[in-house]
Every structure is written in C-alpha cells, then in structure tokens.
C-alpha cells in the first residue's frame, strides 16, 4: 500500500479519535452549549490532533511494511492519538 494512502487512513483514525471526546463532552444530556464554551472543549483536542498528524508520519514510516490495508492504518491512527490523549491526562 502506498505511503500516502496509509497516511490518509491514519489521519482519518486521528480525526475519529479527536471527534469522539469532543462529542461526548459537548452534548451531556442533550444540552447544547454556546460556541465559547464549546471552543474551550475543542481547543486541547485540536492541539493534540495537530501533534498527532505530524507524528503519524513517523508511525506510518516505521510500520510501512506492516500496515497492509486501510483498516490497520485507521486503527493505527486512532490508537496513536488516543494514546497521546491518555498520556496528556
């Protein structure tokens, strides 16, 4: 599988990992929040996501022979960003 193909699906996994906690925090009990409060929730995940997008290049480079399909690349991106979020605390 080409490098950019693997990277694209890794990025998609990272985006899923960013979107899930934002959705979980932004809609507690179905209440919608204002944009300012929503931005405060989103900001830390976006910073971690940008860091993950850059370092995903390294993950894909190190696992180039191992990632043989799009599902593995998607899970690698998701696992990478999720791990970074957990390490951040």
N, C-alpha and C. Protein backbone atom coordinates (compact mmCIF):
# COMPACT_ATOMS: atom_id res chain seq x y z
N UNK A 1 0.85 -1.17 0.00
CA UNK A 1 0.00 0.00 0.00
C UNK A 1 0.89 1.24 0.00
N UNK A 2 0.60 2.24 -0.83
CA UNK A 2 1.44 3.45 -0.89
C UNK A 2 1.44 4.23 0.44
N UNK A 3 2.53 4.94 0.67
CA UNK A 3 2.72 5.69 1.92
C UNK A 3 1.58 6.67 2.17
N UNK A 4 1.19 7.46 1.17
CA UNK A 4 0.16 8.50 1.38
C UNK A 4 -1.22 7.89 1.60
N UNK A 5 -1.44 6.72 1.02
CA UNK A 5 -2.70 6.02 1.24
C UNK A 5 -2.82 5.59 2.70
N UNK A 6 -1.74 5.03 3.21
CA UNK A 6 -1.71 4.62 4.62
C UNK A 6 -1.84 5.84 5.52
N UNK A 7 -1.12 6.90 5.19
CA UNK A 7 -1.17 8.12 6.00
C UNK A 7 -2.58 8.72 6.01
N UNK A 8 -3.25 8.71 4.87
CA UNK A 8 -4.60 9.28 4.78
C UNK A 8 -5.55 8.54 5.73
N UNK A 9 -5.49 7.23 5.77
CA UNK A 9 -6.37 6.49 6.67
C UNK A 9 -5.93 6.63 8.12
N UNK A 10 -4.64 6.83 8.36
CA UNK A 10 -4.18 7.11 9.72
C UNK A 10 -4.74 8.45 10.18
N UNK A 11 -4.74 9.43 9.30
CA UNK A 11 -5.30 10.75 9.63
C UNK A 11 -6.80 10.62 9.92
N UNK A 12 -7.49 9.81 9.16
CA UNK A 12 -8.91 9.60 9.41
C UNK A 12 -9.13 8.99 10.80
N UNK A 13 -8.27 8.06 11.19
CA UNK A 13 -8.34 7.49 12.53
C UNK A 13 -8.09 8.53 13.61
N UNK A 14 -7.14 9.43 13.35
CA UNK A 14 -6.85 10.52 14.29
C UNK A 14 -8.06 11.44 14.41
N UNK A 15 -8.69 11.76 13.29
CA UNK A 15 -9.87 12.62 13.32
C UNK A 15 -11.01 11.98 14.11
N UNK A 16 -11.18 10.68 13.99
CA UNK A 16 -12.20 9.98 14.79
C UNK A 16 -11.85 10.08 16.27
N UNK A 17 -10.56 9.90 16.59
CA UNK A 17 -10.13 9.97 17.98
C UNK A 17 -10.32 11.37 18.57
N UNK A 18 -10.25 12.39 17.73
CA UNK A 18 -10.48 13.77 18.19
C UNK A 18 -11.98 14.03 18.34
N UNK A 19 -12.77 13.53 17.40
CA UNK A 19 -14.20 13.84 17.38
C UNK A 19 -14.97 13.17 18.52
N UNK A 20 -14.61 11.96 18.87
CA UNK A 20 -15.37 11.24 19.89
C UNK A 20 -15.38 11.94 21.25
N UNK A 21 -14.24 12.34 21.82
CA UNK A 21 -14.32 13.02 23.12
C UNK A 21 -14.99 14.39 23.04
N UNK A 22 -14.84 15.08 21.91
CA UNK A 22 -15.50 16.38 21.76
C UNK A 22 -17.01 16.19 21.76
N UNK A 23 -17.47 15.22 21.02
CA UNK A 23 -18.92 14.94 21.01
C UNK A 23 -19.41 14.52 22.38
N UNK A 24 -18.63 13.70 23.07
CA UNK A 24 -19.02 13.24 24.41
C UNK A 24 -19.14 14.41 25.38
N UNK A 25 -18.20 15.34 25.33
CA UNK A 25 -18.22 16.46 26.27
C UNK A 25 -19.17 17.58 25.87
N UNK A 26 -19.43 17.71 24.59
CA UNK A 26 -20.22 18.86 24.15
C UNK A 26 -21.73 18.63 24.24
N UNK A 27 -22.16 17.40 24.38
CA UNK A 27 -23.60 17.14 24.43
C UNK A 27 -23.93 16.28 25.66
N UNK A 28 -23.68 16.78 26.86
CA UNK A 28 -24.08 16.00 28.03
C UNK A 28 -25.58 16.14 28.28
N UNK A 29 -26.28 15.05 28.24
CA UNK A 29 -27.71 15.09 28.49
C UNK A 29 -28.50 15.80 27.41
N UNK A 30 -27.93 15.97 26.24
CA UNK A 30 -28.62 16.61 25.13
C UNK A 30 -28.66 18.12 25.18
N UNK A 31 -27.95 18.75 26.11
CA UNK A 31 -27.95 20.20 26.21
C UNK A 31 -26.90 20.78 25.27
N UNK A 32 -27.28 21.73 24.49
CA UNK A 32 -26.32 22.40 23.61
C UNK A 32 -25.66 23.53 24.36
N UNK A 33 -24.37 23.70 24.14
CA UNK A 33 -23.63 24.77 24.80
C UNK A 33 -23.34 25.89 23.82
N UNK A 34 -22.94 27.02 24.34
CA UNK A 34 -22.57 28.13 23.48
C UNK A 34 -21.24 27.87 22.79
N UNK A 35 -20.95 28.66 21.76
CA UNK A 35 -19.73 28.45 20.98
C UNK A 35 -18.48 28.68 21.82
N UNK A 36 -18.48 29.67 22.70
CA UNK A 36 -17.29 29.96 23.51
C UNK A 36 -16.96 28.78 24.42
N UNK A 37 -17.95 28.20 25.03
CA UNK A 37 -17.71 27.05 25.90
C UNK A 37 -17.31 25.82 25.08
N UNK A 38 -17.93 25.67 23.91
CA UNK A 38 -17.58 24.57 23.03
C UNK A 38 -16.13 24.71 22.54
N UNK A 39 -15.70 25.92 22.24
CA UNK A 39 -14.33 26.16 21.80
C UNK A 39 -13.32 25.76 22.88
N UNK A 40 -13.65 26.02 24.14
CA UNK A 40 -12.76 25.64 25.24
C UNK A 40 -12.64 24.12 25.36
N UNK A 41 -13.69 23.41 24.98
CA UNK A 41 -13.64 21.95 24.98
C UNK A 41 -12.81 21.44 23.80
N UNK A 42 -12.98 22.06 22.65
CA UNK A 42 -12.34 21.60 21.42
C UNK A 42 -10.85 21.90 21.38
N UNK A 43 -10.44 23.05 21.91
CA UNK A 43 -9.06 23.53 21.74
C UNK A 43 -7.98 22.52 22.15
N UNK A 44 -8.04 21.89 23.32
CA UNK A 44 -6.96 20.95 23.67
C UNK A 44 -6.89 19.74 22.73
N UNK A 45 -8.05 19.28 22.27
CA UNK A 45 -8.06 18.13 21.36
C UNK A 45 -7.48 18.50 19.99
N UNK A 46 -7.71 19.72 19.55
CA UNK A 46 -7.14 20.15 18.28
C UNK A 46 -5.62 20.26 18.35
N UNK A 47 -5.11 20.74 19.47
CA UNK A 47 -3.65 20.84 19.63
C UNK A 47 -3.03 19.45 19.63
N UNK A 48 -3.61 18.53 20.37
CA UNK A 48 -3.11 17.15 20.39
C UNK A 48 -3.26 16.54 19.00
N UNK A 49 -4.35 16.83 18.33
CA UNK A 49 -4.56 16.30 16.98
C UNK A 49 -3.52 16.78 15.99
N UNK A 50 -3.16 18.06 16.06
CA UNK A 50 -2.11 18.57 15.18
C UNK A 50 -0.78 17.89 15.45
N UNK A 51 -0.46 17.70 16.73
CA UNK A 51 0.75 16.98 17.09
C UNK A 51 0.70 15.55 16.55
N UNK A 52 -0.45 14.91 16.66
CA UNK A 52 -0.60 13.54 16.17
C UNK A 52 -0.47 13.46 14.66
N UNK A 53 -0.97 14.46 13.94
CA UNK A 53 -0.84 14.44 12.49
C UNK A 53 0.62 14.48 12.05
N UNK A 54 1.42 15.26 12.76
CA UNK A 54 2.84 15.33 12.43
C UNK A 54 3.56 14.04 12.80
N UNK A 55 3.29 13.53 13.97
CA UNK A 55 4.00 12.33 14.40
C UNK A 55 3.44 11.06 13.74
N UNK A 56 2.25 11.15 13.15
CA UNK A 56 1.72 10.00 12.41
C UNK A 56 2.59 9.69 11.21
N UNK A 57 3.29 10.67 10.69
CA UNK A 57 4.25 10.42 9.61
C UNK A 57 5.30 9.41 10.07
N UNK A 58 5.76 9.57 11.30
CA UNK A 58 6.74 8.63 11.84
C UNK A 58 6.13 7.25 12.06
N UNK A 59 4.92 7.22 12.58
CA UNK A 59 4.25 5.94 12.82
C UNK A 59 4.08 5.19 11.50
N UNK A 60 3.63 5.89 10.48
CA UNK A 60 3.42 5.25 9.18
C UNK A 60 4.76 4.82 8.59
N UNK A 61 5.79 5.63 8.76
CA UNK A 61 7.10 5.28 8.22
C UNK A 61 7.66 4.03 8.90
N UNK A 62 7.49 3.93 10.20
CA UNK A 62 8.01 2.76 10.92
C UNK A 62 7.20 1.50 10.67
N UNK A 63 5.93 1.64 10.33
CA UNK A 63 5.07 0.47 10.13
C UNK A 63 4.72 0.27 8.67
N UNK A 64 5.49 0.85 7.77
CA UNK A 64 5.16 0.81 6.34
C UNK A 64 4.96 -0.62 5.83
N UNK A 65 5.81 -1.55 6.18
CA UNK A 65 5.64 -2.92 5.71
C UNK A 65 4.55 -3.68 6.44
N UNK A 66 4.17 -3.21 7.63
CA UNK A 66 3.21 -3.91 8.46
C UNK A 66 1.77 -3.52 8.14
N UNK A 67 1.54 -2.26 7.84
CA UNK A 67 0.18 -1.80 7.54
C UNK A 67 -0.16 -2.18 6.11
N UNK A 68 -0.96 -3.23 5.98
CA UNK A 68 -1.24 -3.76 4.65
C UNK A 68 -2.62 -3.40 4.11
N UNK A 69 -3.50 -2.88 4.94
CA UNK A 69 -4.82 -2.48 4.46
C UNK A 69 -5.29 -1.23 5.20
N UNK A 70 -6.38 -0.67 4.72
CA UNK A 70 -6.88 0.60 5.25
C UNK A 70 -7.35 0.47 6.69
N UNK A 71 -7.86 -0.71 7.07
CA UNK A 71 -8.36 -0.91 8.43
C UNK A 71 -7.24 -0.83 9.46
N UNK A 72 -6.11 -1.42 9.12
CA UNK A 72 -4.96 -1.37 10.03
C UNK A 72 -4.45 0.06 10.16
N UNK A 73 -4.43 0.80 9.05
CA UNK A 73 -3.97 2.20 9.09
C UNK A 73 -4.92 3.06 9.91
N UNK A 74 -6.23 2.84 9.76
CA UNK A 74 -7.21 3.59 10.53
C UNK A 74 -7.05 3.32 12.02
N UNK A 75 -6.88 2.07 12.39
CA UNK A 75 -6.70 1.72 13.79
C UNK A 75 -5.38 2.24 14.35
N UNK A 76 -4.34 2.25 13.52
CA UNK A 76 -3.05 2.78 13.97
C UNK A 76 -3.16 4.27 14.28
N UNK A 77 -3.84 5.03 13.42
CA UNK A 77 -4.04 6.46 13.67
C UNK A 77 -4.88 6.71 14.90
N UNK A 78 -5.96 5.95 15.05
CA UNK A 78 -6.83 6.10 16.21
C UNK A 78 -6.07 5.76 17.50
N UNK A 79 -5.35 4.65 17.48
CA UNK A 79 -4.61 4.22 18.68
C UNK A 79 -3.53 5.23 19.04
N UNK A 80 -2.85 5.78 18.03
CA UNK A 80 -1.79 6.76 18.30
C UNK A 80 -2.36 7.99 19.00
N UNK A 81 -3.40 8.59 18.44
CA UNK A 81 -3.95 9.80 19.02
C UNK A 81 -4.60 9.52 20.37
N UNK A 82 -5.28 8.41 20.49
CA UNK A 82 -5.90 8.05 21.77
C UNK A 82 -4.85 7.87 22.85
N UNK A 83 -3.73 7.26 22.51
CA UNK A 83 -2.65 7.09 23.48
C UNK A 83 -2.09 8.44 23.90
N UNK A 84 -1.87 9.33 22.97
CA UNK A 84 -1.36 10.67 23.29
C UNK A 84 -2.34 11.40 24.20
N UNK A 85 -3.64 11.30 23.94
CA UNK A 85 -4.64 11.95 24.79
C UNK A 85 -4.60 11.39 26.21
N UNK A 86 -4.42 10.09 26.33
CA UNK A 86 -4.38 9.47 27.66
C UNK A 86 -3.10 9.86 28.41
N UNK A 87 -1.98 9.96 27.70
CA UNK A 87 -0.73 10.36 28.33
C UNK A 87 -0.78 11.81 28.80
N UNK A 88 -1.51 12.64 28.05
CA UNK A 88 -1.65 14.05 28.42
C UNK A 88 -2.42 14.18 29.74
N UNK A 89 -3.36 13.28 29.94
CA UNK A 89 -4.10 13.28 31.20
C UNK A 89 -5.38 13.92 31.16
